[in-house]
Amino acid sequence: MIRRLITSGSRFEDEIGYSRAVLDGDLVFVSGTTGYDYATMTIAPGVEAQCDQAFRNIAAALDQAGARMADVVRVVFYLPDRADWPPCWPIVKRWLGEARPAATMLVAGLQSPDMKIEVEVTARLRSTP
C-alpha cells in the first residue's frame, strides 16, 4: 500500500501538524481547505472568490496525488453562514459537475472570521484515465 503525505506549503500544515492531503492506496483524502492563496497567504473577502480558490487548492493537492477533480467521490462543505451557500452553487457545479460526488453541507464556525467556506474531499484514483 502506498501512503504519501502531500503539502500545499501553507504554514498552517507545519504549525498545526497535518497534511493538505494523504494518498493511501487508491484513496486521496484532502483536508478541509479554505480560500487562502497559499502563495501570498491572503484570503479574498467574498465567499465566491474563496470557494473558487479553495477548489484551486484542492485541485493542486489532487494533482500531486495523481488524481483530478473528476475522481472526487465525497465532498463536505462547511460555512459559518448558510446564506453564503447558494452563491457557491455555480462554482461547485463548475468544479464538481463531472464527478457529481456524494455531498454534505454543514453550518459551522471556522478557524478565522475571515474564512467564509471550507471544503473537504475524498477522491479515488482510477486505474484507467
Foldseek 3Di string as FASTA:
>chain_A
DDWDAAAPQAPCCVVVPHGQWICDPQKIWGPWFWQAPRVVRDHDQAPQNGLLSRLVSVQVRQVVVVHGLLQWAEKEKEFQDVVSPVVNVVVCCVRNVNNPHHYYYYHDDDPDPSTGMIMITMGGHDPPD
